[in-house]
């Protein structure tokens, strides 16, 4: 007989999960456990369990510590976490504890079925919704990085543009032609992802590229 422990407050998510597991898991024993009981009894409370479901409304540090303690003493347990964490760093930290899956609170039932089915796999299950979110974070990170990858000369010219030097004045100050200055200006606009000089100034200040 399957044994499931759900760590949560008395939330709609925990009640729905409990009902789902009772109906769809053959002769399953499903218990709801409060955070207070977990803190008092630590991981010994799961001695006879097979699956642990954690409904997170707490900070990431608490969750990481709990997962680490549970799986350190009982590595064969299947631990699944529901949370609002969407950044790559926190997700990686959770997966490194050895959990079997991570879900967003609005996950679909098909994801639960797949996660339980793959419970014996060494590869953790990650809510499919996270794929798009992590991809967006990656793209934003790459865009942000590209804005900062400026050459020494580009940084010099950007600084002078922010200080309101004209193209002719920049050329004289750096001993280069006005045409070269304009070429660098165009490259800066492309790298910074803006449309004009005003956008350059705004982005330079926001990204702390000038002083």
Foldseek 3Di string as FASTA:
>chain_A
DAEEEEEDDPDPLSVVVQVCCCVPPPVYHYYYDYPVVCVVPPLVVCVPHAEYEYEDPDDLVVVLVNLLRNCVVPVRHAYEYEDPDQEPVSVVSNVVSQHQEYHYSPADPVQVVVSVVCSVPSDHYYGPVSVVSHVVVVVVVVLLVLLQPDDPVLLVLLQVVLVVDDLVRSCVVVVHDSVVSVVSLVVNCVSNVHDDSVSSNVSCVVSVSYD
